[in-house]
Amino acid sequence: MRRVYVKEEACIGCGLCEVYCLVEHSRSKDPIKAFKRETPRPLPRVHVERNIEVSFPIQCRHCADPWCVYSCLTGAMRKEPTSDKVIVDMEKCIGCWTCLVACPYGALSRDLNSKTVIKCDLCPGREIPACVVNCPNEALVYAESQTESPNVESQATVPI
């Protein structure tokens, strides 16, 4: 399965991955309209953690053993058998947030408007996710999984 990986040394914390993720998940697909006119405003599925010396984006890692799926009370969180993507069925999500608590990476977010969870969906309909395409420093890479589990520390890049 292909996953998004971050090269921490290349991330400058600009936040463009957040902006383009928000735009990709908007109705208009236009940055100005998405930020100024859409109600409710769409939410990005990635967020950038910033520290003085280090910054990096955090989004769903589509884990081999997804704790969020195991903790979901309604079955709204599931792993697609064909693609190994962890997806959310918004119709089944009741906004109990157990998946948020279970995720060891803090990669899931609450959508308080719809009272559901949102997470990276790897931009369905796009060959390469919007965050990767629009990263100015090429800190985000969309590549085949380097190991069966994305949680192995010996990888050259850190999966997000």
N, C-alpha and C. Protein backbone atom coordinates (compact mmCIF):
# COMPACT_ATOMS: atom_id res chain seq x y z
N MET A 1 0.83 -1.18 0.00
CA MET A 1 0.00 0.00 0.00
C MET A 1 0.87 1.25 0.00
N ARG A 2 0.43 2.24 -0.71
CA ARG A 2 1.15 3.52 -0.73
C ARG A 2 0.73 4.34 0.48
N ARG A 3 1.71 5.03 1.06
CA ARG A 3 1.48 5.87 2.23
C ARG A 3 2.20 7.20 2.04
N VAL A 4 1.80 8.18 2.86
CA VAL A 4 2.47 9.47 2.87
C VAL A 4 3.56 9.42 3.94
N TYR A 5 4.76 9.78 3.55
CA TYR A 5 5.90 9.82 4.47
C TYR A 5 6.41 11.25 4.54
N VAL A 6 6.98 11.60 5.69
CA VAL A 6 7.53 12.94 5.85
C VAL A 6 9.05 12.85 6.02
N LYS A 7 9.73 13.76 5.36
CA LYS A 7 11.17 13.93 5.57
C LYS A 7 11.29 15.12 6.53
N GLU A 8 11.45 14.81 7.81
CA GLU A 8 11.44 15.85 8.84
C GLU A 8 12.47 16.95 8.58
N GLU A 9 13.63 16.57 8.04
CA GLU A 9 14.68 17.56 7.81
C GLU A 9 14.30 18.55 6.71
N ALA A 10 13.32 18.20 5.88
CA ALA A 10 12.91 19.08 4.78
C ALA A 10 11.69 19.94 5.13
N CYS A 11 10.94 19.56 6.17
CA CYS A 11 9.72 20.30 6.52
C CYS A 11 10.09 21.63 7.17
N ILE A 12 9.53 22.72 6.63
CA ILE A 12 9.80 24.05 7.16
C ILE A 12 8.62 24.61 7.95
N GLY A 13 7.57 23.80 8.11
CA GLY A 13 6.43 24.22 8.91
C GLY A 13 5.57 25.29 8.26
N CYS A 14 5.56 25.35 6.94
CA CYS A 14 4.83 26.42 6.24
C CYS A 14 3.31 26.25 6.33
N GLY A 15 2.84 25.03 6.52
CA GLY A 15 1.41 24.79 6.64
C GLY A 15 0.66 24.69 5.33
N LEU A 16 1.36 24.69 4.20
CA LEU A 16 0.67 24.58 2.92
C LEU A 16 -0.02 23.23 2.76
N CYS A 17 0.49 22.19 3.41
CA CYS A 17 -0.19 20.90 3.36
C CYS A 17 -1.58 21.01 3.98
N GLU A 18 -1.69 21.78 5.07
CA GLU A 18 -3.00 21.99 5.71
C GLU A 18 -3.93 22.77 4.78
N VAL A 19 -3.41 23.81 4.16
CA VAL A 19 -4.21 24.65 3.28
C VAL A 19 -4.74 23.84 2.09
N TYR A 20 -3.86 23.11 1.42
CA TYR A 20 -4.29 22.37 0.24
C TYR A 20 -5.16 21.17 0.60
N CYS A 21 -5.00 20.61 1.78
CA CYS A 21 -5.89 19.55 2.24
C CYS A 21 -7.29 20.12 2.46
N LEU A 22 -7.37 21.27 3.11
CA LEU A 22 -8.65 21.95 3.32
C LEU A 22 -9.32 22.25 1.99
N VAL A 23 -8.58 22.79 1.05
CA VAL A 23 -9.14 23.13 -0.27
C VAL A 23 -9.61 21.87 -1.00
N GLU A 24 -8.82 20.81 -0.93
CA GLU A 24 -9.19 19.55 -1.59
C GLU A 24 -10.50 18.99 -1.03
N HIS A 25 -10.75 19.21 0.24
CA HIS A 25 -11.96 18.69 0.88
C HIS A 25 -13.08 19.73 0.94
N SER A 26 -12.93 20.81 0.21
CA SER A 26 -13.97 21.84 0.15
C SER A 26 -14.94 21.56 -0.99
N ARG A 27 -16.07 22.22 -0.97
CA ARG A 27 -17.03 22.08 -2.07
C ARG A 27 -16.54 22.82 -3.31
N SER A 28 -15.95 23.99 -3.14
CA SER A 28 -15.57 24.85 -4.27
C SER A 28 -14.25 24.48 -4.92
N LYS A 29 -13.35 23.86 -4.17
CA LYS A 29 -11.98 23.55 -4.62
C LYS A 29 -11.19 24.82 -4.94
N ASP A 30 -11.61 25.93 -4.35
CA ASP A 30 -10.98 27.23 -4.55
C ASP A 30 -10.53 27.75 -3.19
N PRO A 31 -9.25 28.13 -3.04
CA PRO A 31 -8.75 28.56 -1.72
C PRO A 31 -9.51 29.74 -1.11
N ILE A 32 -9.78 30.76 -1.89
CA ILE A 32 -10.46 31.94 -1.35
C ILE A 32 -11.88 31.59 -0.94
N LYS A 33 -12.61 30.92 -1.81
CA LYS A 33 -13.99 30.55 -1.49
C LYS A 33 -14.04 29.60 -0.30
N ALA A 34 -13.12 28.64 -0.26
CA ALA A 34 -13.12 27.67 0.84
C ALA A 34 -12.90 28.35 2.19
N PHE A 35 -11.98 29.32 2.23
CA PHE A 35 -11.68 30.00 3.49
C PHE A 35 -12.69 31.08 3.86
N LYS A 36 -13.20 31.80 2.87
CA LYS A 36 -14.02 32.98 3.14
C LYS A 36 -15.53 32.75 3.03
N ARG A 37 -15.95 31.84 2.15
CA ARG A 37 -17.38 31.79 1.84
C ARG A 37 -18.08 30.50 2.23
N GLU A 38 -17.36 29.41 2.36
CA GLU A 38 -18.03 28.14 2.66
C GLU A 38 -18.38 28.05 4.13
N THR A 39 -19.63 27.64 4.38
CA THR A 39 -20.10 27.46 5.75
C THR A 39 -20.76 26.10 5.85
N PRO A 40 -20.33 25.27 6.75
CA PRO A 40 -19.17 25.45 7.60
C PRO A 40 -17.88 25.32 6.79
N ARG A 41 -16.84 25.96 7.32
CA ARG A 41 -15.54 25.91 6.64
C ARG A 41 -15.02 24.48 6.67
N PRO A 42 -14.52 24.00 5.53
CA PRO A 42 -13.95 22.64 5.51
C PRO A 42 -12.74 22.56 6.44
N LEU A 43 -12.45 21.37 6.88
CA LEU A 43 -11.34 21.15 7.81
C LEU A 43 -10.24 20.33 7.15
N PRO A 44 -8.99 20.68 7.43
CA PRO A 44 -7.89 19.86 6.89
C PRO A 44 -7.79 18.54 7.64
N ARG A 45 -7.32 17.54 6.97
CA ARG A 45 -7.12 16.21 7.57
C ARG A 45 -5.67 16.01 8.01
N VAL A 46 -4.90 17.05 7.94
CA VAL A 46 -3.50 17.03 8.35
C VAL A 46 -3.27 18.29 9.19
N HIS A 47 -2.43 18.20 10.21
CA HIS A 47 -2.04 19.41 10.93
C HIS A 47 -0.54 19.37 11.19
N VAL A 48 0.04 20.55 11.18
CA VAL A 48 1.49 20.67 11.33
C VAL A 48 1.82 20.99 12.78
N GLU A 49 2.67 20.18 13.36
CA GLU A 49 3.21 20.43 14.69
C GLU A 49 4.46 21.27 14.51
N ARG A 50 4.53 22.36 15.24
CA ARG A 50 5.68 23.26 15.11
C ARG A 50 6.38 23.43 16.45
N ASN A 51 7.69 23.32 16.40
CA ASN A 51 8.55 23.61 17.53
C ASN A 51 9.62 24.54 16.98
N ILE A 52 10.42 25.10 17.82
CA ILE A 52 11.41 26.07 17.37
C ILE A 52 12.31 25.48 16.29
N GLU A 53 12.82 24.29 16.50
CA GLU A 53 13.77 23.70 15.56
C GLU A 53 13.18 22.64 14.64
N VAL A 54 12.06 22.07 15.02
CA VAL A 54 11.50 20.96 14.27
C VAL A 54 10.03 21.22 13.97
N SER A 55 9.60 20.89 12.77
CA SER A 55 8.18 20.91 12.44
C SER A 55 7.90 19.73 11.51
N PHE A 56 6.70 19.20 11.63
CA PHE A 56 6.33 18.09 10.78
C PHE A 56 4.81 17.94 10.77
N PRO A 57 4.27 17.49 9.63
CA PRO A 57 2.82 17.28 9.54
C PRO A 57 2.41 15.96 10.18
N ILE A 58 1.21 15.94 10.73
CA ILE A 58 0.66 14.73 11.32
C ILE A 58 -0.65 14.42 10.63
N GLN A 59 -0.77 13.21 10.14
CA GLN A 59 -2.02 12.75 9.55
C GLN A 59 -2.08 11.24 9.71
N CYS A 60 -3.20 10.66 9.37
CA CYS A 60 -3.41 9.22 9.55
C CYS A 60 -2.32 8.42 8.86
N ARG A 61 -1.81 7.43 9.56
CA ARG A 61 -0.75 6.58 9.03
C ARG A 61 -1.30 5.31 8.38
N HIS A 62 -2.59 5.11 8.40
CA HIS A 62 -3.20 3.91 7.83
C HIS A 62 -2.45 2.68 8.33
N CYS A 63 -2.41 2.55 9.64
CA CYS A 63 -1.62 1.52 10.33
C CYS A 63 -2.00 0.11 9.91
N ALA A 64 -1.04 -0.78 10.02
CA ALA A 64 -1.27 -2.20 9.76
C ALA A 64 -2.25 -2.76 10.81
N ASP A 65 -2.08 -2.35 12.05
CA ASP A 65 -2.98 -2.73 13.14
C ASP A 65 -3.60 -1.46 13.71
N PRO A 66 -4.67 -0.96 13.09
CA PRO A 66 -5.23 0.33 13.49
C PRO A 66 -6.06 0.27 14.77
N TRP A 67 -5.55 0.89 15.82
CA TRP A 67 -6.24 0.92 17.10
C TRP A 67 -7.57 1.65 16.99
N CYS A 68 -7.64 2.63 16.10
CA CYS A 68 -8.88 3.38 15.93
C CYS A 68 -9.99 2.47 15.44
N VAL A 69 -9.68 1.54 14.55
CA VAL A 69 -10.67 0.60 14.03
C VAL A 69 -11.12 -0.34 15.15
N TYR A 70 -10.18 -0.83 15.91
CA TYR A 70 -10.51 -1.76 16.99
C TYR A 70 -11.37 -1.10 18.07
N SER A 71 -11.20 0.19 18.26
CA SER A 71 -11.93 0.88 19.33
C SER A 71 -13.28 1.44 18.89
N CYS A 72 -13.55 1.48 17.60
CA CYS A 72 -14.77 2.09 17.09
C CYS A 72 -15.99 1.29 17.54
N LEU A 73 -16.92 1.97 18.20
CA LEU A 73 -18.10 1.33 18.76
C LEU A 73 -19.15 0.94 17.72
N THR A 74 -19.18 1.64 16.60
CA THR A 74 -20.23 1.43 15.61
C THR A 74 -19.76 0.75 14.34
N GLY A 75 -18.47 0.57 14.18
CA GLY A 75 -17.94 0.01 12.94
C GLY A 75 -17.77 1.06 11.85
N ALA A 76 -17.86 2.34 12.23
CA ALA A 76 -17.68 3.41 11.25
C ALA A 76 -16.24 3.46 10.75
N MET A 77 -15.30 3.16 11.62
CA MET A 77 -13.88 3.09 11.23
C MET A 77 -13.62 1.67 10.76
N ARG A 78 -13.07 1.57 9.57
CA ARG A 78 -12.75 0.23 9.09
C ARG A 78 -11.55 0.29 8.15
N LYS A 79 -10.97 -0.86 7.98
CA LYS A 79 -9.83 -0.98 7.08
C LYS A 79 -10.34 -1.64 5.80
N GLU A 80 -10.14 -0.96 4.68
CA GLU A 80 -10.57 -1.52 3.39
C GLU A 80 -9.70 -2.74 3.06
N PRO A 81 -10.32 -3.86 2.79
CA PRO A 81 -9.52 -5.07 2.53
C PRO A 81 -8.71 -5.00 1.24
N THR A 82 -9.18 -4.27 0.25
CA THR A 82 -8.47 -4.22 -1.03
C THR A 82 -7.30 -3.25 -1.04
N SER A 83 -7.45 -2.12 -0.33
CA SER A 83 -6.40 -1.10 -0.38
C SER A 83 -5.62 -0.94 0.92
N ASP A 84 -6.10 -1.53 2.00
CA ASP A 84 -5.51 -1.39 3.34
C ASP A 84 -5.62 0.02 3.90
N LYS A 85 -6.44 0.87 3.28
CA LYS A 85 -6.68 2.22 3.82
C LYS A 85 -7.63 2.12 5.01
N VAL A 86 -7.39 2.95 6.01
CA VAL A 86 -8.32 3.08 7.12
C VAL A 86 -9.28 4.20 6.76
N ILE A 87 -10.57 3.89 6.70
CA ILE A 87 -11.55 4.87 6.27
C ILE A 87 -12.65 5.03 7.32
N VAL A 88 -13.38 6.14 7.22
CA VAL A 88 -14.49 6.43 8.11
C VAL A 88 -15.77 6.47 7.31
N ASP A 89 -16.78 5.74 7.78
CA ASP A 89 -18.12 5.82 7.20
C ASP A 89 -18.87 6.88 8.00
N MET A 90 -19.02 8.07 7.42
CA MET A 90 -19.63 9.20 8.12
C MET A 90 -21.07 8.92 8.53
N GLU A 91 -21.74 8.04 7.82
CA GLU A 91 -23.13 7.70 8.16
C GLU A 91 -23.21 6.91 9.46
N LYS A 92 -22.16 6.14 9.76
CA LYS A 92 -22.15 5.31 10.96
C LYS A 92 -21.51 6.00 12.16
N CYS A 93 -20.68 7.01 11.91
CA CYS A 93 -19.95 7.68 12.99
C CYS A 93 -20.93 8.44 13.88
N ILE A 94 -20.84 8.20 15.19
CA ILE A 94 -21.73 8.87 16.15
C ILE A 94 -21.01 9.95 16.96
N GLY A 95 -19.76 10.19 16.65
CA GLY A 95 -19.01 11.23 17.33
C GLY A 95 -18.69 10.91 18.78
N CYS A 96 -18.43 9.65 19.07
CA CYS A 96 -18.10 9.27 20.45
C CYS A 96 -16.63 9.53 20.78
N TRP A 97 -15.80 9.70 19.75
CA TRP A 97 -14.39 10.05 19.85
C TRP A 97 -13.49 8.97 20.45
N THR A 98 -13.97 7.73 20.56
CA THR A 98 -13.09 6.69 21.10
C THR A 98 -11.89 6.46 20.18
N CYS A 99 -12.08 6.65 18.89
CA CYS A 99 -10.97 6.47 17.95
C CYS A 99 -9.88 7.53 18.18
N LEU A 100 -10.30 8.75 18.53
CA LEU A 100 -9.33 9.81 18.81
C LEU A 100 -8.46 9.44 20.01
N VAL A 101 -9.09 8.88 21.02
CA VAL A 101 -8.37 8.48 22.22
C VAL A 101 -7.44 7.31 21.91
N ALA A 102 -7.89 6.40 21.05
CA ALA A 102 -7.12 5.20 20.74
C ALA A 102 -5.92 5.45 19.83
N CYS A 103 -5.99 6.47 18.98
CA CYS A 103 -4.91 6.73 18.02
C CYS A 103 -3.65 7.18 18.75
N PRO A 104 -2.56 6.42 18.64
CA PRO A 104 -1.33 6.79 19.35
C PRO A 104 -0.60 7.97 18.72
N TYR A 105 -1.03 8.42 17.54
CA TYR A 105 -0.33 9.49 16.83
C TYR A 105 -1.05 10.83 16.88
N GLY A 106 -2.26 10.86 17.41
CA GLY A 106 -3.02 12.10 17.42
C GLY A 106 -3.38 12.55 16.03
N ALA A 107 -3.64 11.60 15.14
CA ALA A 107 -3.83 11.90 13.73
C ALA A 107 -5.29 12.14 13.34
N LEU A 108 -6.21 11.93 14.25
CA LEU A 108 -7.62 12.11 13.94
C LEU A 108 -8.11 13.42 14.54
N SER A 109 -9.13 13.99 13.92
CA SER A 109 -9.68 15.27 14.39
C SER A 109 -11.19 15.18 14.51
N ARG A 110 -11.74 16.06 15.33
CA ARG A 110 -13.19 16.15 15.48
C ARG A 110 -13.74 17.20 14.54
N ASP A 111 -14.82 16.87 13.87
CA ASP A 111 -15.59 17.85 13.11
C ASP A 111 -16.80 18.17 13.97
N LEU A 112 -16.73 19.29 14.66
CA LEU A 112 -17.80 19.64 15.60
C LEU A 112 -19.09 20.03 14.90
N ASN A 113 -19.02 20.40 13.62
CA ASN A 113 -20.23 20.73 12.88
C ASN A 113 -21.06 19.49 12.58
N SER A 114 -20.41 18.46 12.08
CA SER A 114 -21.14 17.23 11.76
C SER A 114 -21.10 16.22 12.89
N LYS A 115 -20.33 16.53 13.94
CA LYS A 115 -20.15 15.66 15.10
C LYS A 115 -19.65 14.27 14.67
N THR A 116 -18.67 14.30 13.78
CA THR A 116 -18.01 13.07 13.32
C THR A 116 -16.51 13.25 13.39
N VAL A 117 -15.80 12.18 13.19
CA VAL A 117 -14.34 12.24 13.16
C VAL A 117 -13.91 12.44 11.70
N ILE A 118 -12.82 13.18 11.52
CA ILE A 118 -12.23 13.31 10.18
C ILE A 118 -10.78 12.87 10.26
N LYS A 119 -10.32 12.33 9.14
CA LYS A 119 -8.95 11.84 9.07
C LYS A 119 -8.49 11.82 7.63
N CYS A 120 -7.22 11.65 7.43
CA CYS A 120 -6.68 11.58 6.07
C CYS A 120 -7.33 10.43 5.32
N ASP A 121 -7.79 10.74 4.12
CA ASP A 121 -8.39 9.72 3.27
C ASP A 121 -7.56 9.50 2.01
N LEU A 122 -6.36 10.05 1.99
CA LEU A 122 -5.43 9.97 0.86
C LEU A 122 -6.03 10.53 -0.42
N CYS A 123 -6.93 11.49 -0.27
CA CYS A 123 -7.55 12.21 -1.40
C CYS A 123 -8.08 11.28 -2.49
N PRO A 124 -9.21 10.63 -2.23
CA PRO A 124 -9.78 9.76 -3.26
C PRO A 124 -10.02 10.53 -4.56
N GLY A 125 -9.76 9.88 -5.64
CA GLY A 125 -9.93 10.52 -6.94
C GLY A 125 -8.68 11.20 -7.45
N ARG A 126 -7.67 11.29 -6.59
CA ARG A 126 -6.39 11.88 -7.00
C ARG A 126 -5.34 10.78 -7.01
N GLU A 127 -4.43 10.87 -7.96
CA GLU A 127 -3.35 9.90 -8.02
C GLU A 127 -2.37 10.12 -6.86
N ILE A 128 -2.11 11.38 -6.53
CA ILE A 128 -1.21 11.74 -5.42
C ILE A 128 -1.97 12.71 -4.52
N PRO A 129 -1.96 12.51 -3.19
CA PRO A 129 -2.68 13.40 -2.29
C PRO A 129 -2.27 14.86 -2.45
N ALA A 130 -3.22 15.76 -2.21
CA ALA A 130 -3.01 17.20 -2.40
C ALA A 130 -1.87 17.73 -1.53
N CYS A 131 -1.72 17.22 -0.32
CA CYS A 131 -0.65 17.70 0.56
C CYS A 131 0.73 17.41 -0.04
N VAL A 132 0.87 16.25 -0.67
CA VAL A 132 2.15 15.86 -1.26
C VAL A 132 2.45 16.69 -2.50
N VAL A 133 1.46 16.83 -3.36
CA VAL A 133 1.63 17.58 -4.61
C VAL A 133 2.04 19.02 -4.35
N ASN A 134 1.50 19.62 -3.28
CA ASN A 134 1.69 21.04 -3.04
C ASN A 134 2.74 21.37 -1.99
N CYS A 135 3.50 20.40 -1.52
CA CYS A 135 4.56 20.67 -0.54
C CYS A 135 5.73 21.34 -1.26
N PRO A 136 6.03 22.60 -0.94
CA PRO A 136 7.06 23.33 -1.68
C PRO A 136 8.48 22.80 -1.48
N ASN A 137 8.71 22.12 -0.37
CA ASN A 137 10.05 21.64 -0.06
C ASN A 137 10.20 20.14 -0.30
N GLU A 138 9.15 19.53 -0.86
CA GLU A 138 9.12 18.09 -1.09
C GLU A 138 9.41 17.31 0.19
N ALA A 139 8.85 17.81 1.31
CA ALA A 139 9.00 17.13 2.59
C ALA A 139 8.04 15.96 2.70
N LEU A 140 7.00 15.97 1.89
CA LEU A 140 6.03 14.87 1.89
C LEU A 140 6.23 14.02 0.65
N VAL A 141 6.23 12.71 0.86
CA VAL A 141 6.45 11.76 -0.21
C VAL A 141 5.34 10.72 -0.17
N TYR A 142 4.77 10.40 -1.32
CA TYR A 142 3.75 9.36 -1.42
C TYR A 142 4.42 8.16 -2.07
N ALA A 143 4.65 7.12 -1.27
CA ALA A 143 5.42 5.98 -1.76
C ALA A 143 4.88 4.69 -1.21
N GLU A 144 5.30 3.61 -1.82
CA GLU A 144 4.93 2.28 -1.37
C GLU A 144 5.47 2.07 0.04
N SER A 145 4.70 1.40 0.87
CA SER A 145 5.11 1.12 2.24
C SER A 145 6.44 0.39 2.24
N GLN A 146 7.36 0.84 3.09
CA GLN A 146 8.69 0.25 3.13
C GLN A 146 8.73 -1.03 3.95
N THR A 147 7.78 -1.19 4.83
CA THR A 147 7.65 -2.41 5.64
C THR A 147 6.18 -2.72 5.77
N GLU A 148 5.87 -3.85 6.34
CA GLU A 148 4.46 -4.20 6.53
C GLU A 148 3.81 -3.23 7.50
N SER A 149 4.53 -2.83 8.55
CA SER A 149 4.00 -1.90 9.53
C SER A 149 4.68 -0.55 9.39
N PRO A 150 3.90 0.54 9.30
CA PRO A 150 4.52 1.85 9.16
C PRO A 150 5.12 2.37 10.47
N ASN A 151 5.08 1.59 11.52
CA ASN A 151 5.51 2.08 12.82
C ASN A 151 6.94 1.66 13.16
N VAL A 152 7.66 1.11 12.21
CA VAL A 152 9.02 0.65 12.45
C VAL A 152 9.97 1.83 12.43
N GLU A 153 10.77 1.97 13.48
CA GLU A 153 11.66 3.13 13.62
C GLU A 153 12.84 3.10 12.66
N SER A 154 13.15 1.97 12.09
CA SER A 154 14.35 1.88 11.25
C SER A 154 14.16 2.42 9.85
N GLN A 155 12.97 2.93 9.54
CA GLN A 155 12.75 3.48 8.20
C GLN A 155 13.51 4.77 8.00
N ALA A 156 13.85 5.04 6.76
CA ALA A 156 14.60 6.25 6.43
C ALA A 156 13.73 7.49 6.60
N THR A 157 12.46 7.36 6.34
CA THR A 157 11.55 8.47 6.52
C THR A 157 10.48 8.07 7.51
N VAL A 158 9.83 9.04 8.08
CA VAL A 158 8.82 8.78 9.08
C VAL A 158 7.46 8.83 8.42
N PRO A 159 6.64 7.76 8.52
CA PRO A 159 5.32 7.80 7.92
C PRO A 159 4.40 8.70 8.72
N ILE A 160 3.51 9.37 8.01
CA ILE A 160 2.51 10.18 8.71
C ILE A 160 1.13 9.71 8.32
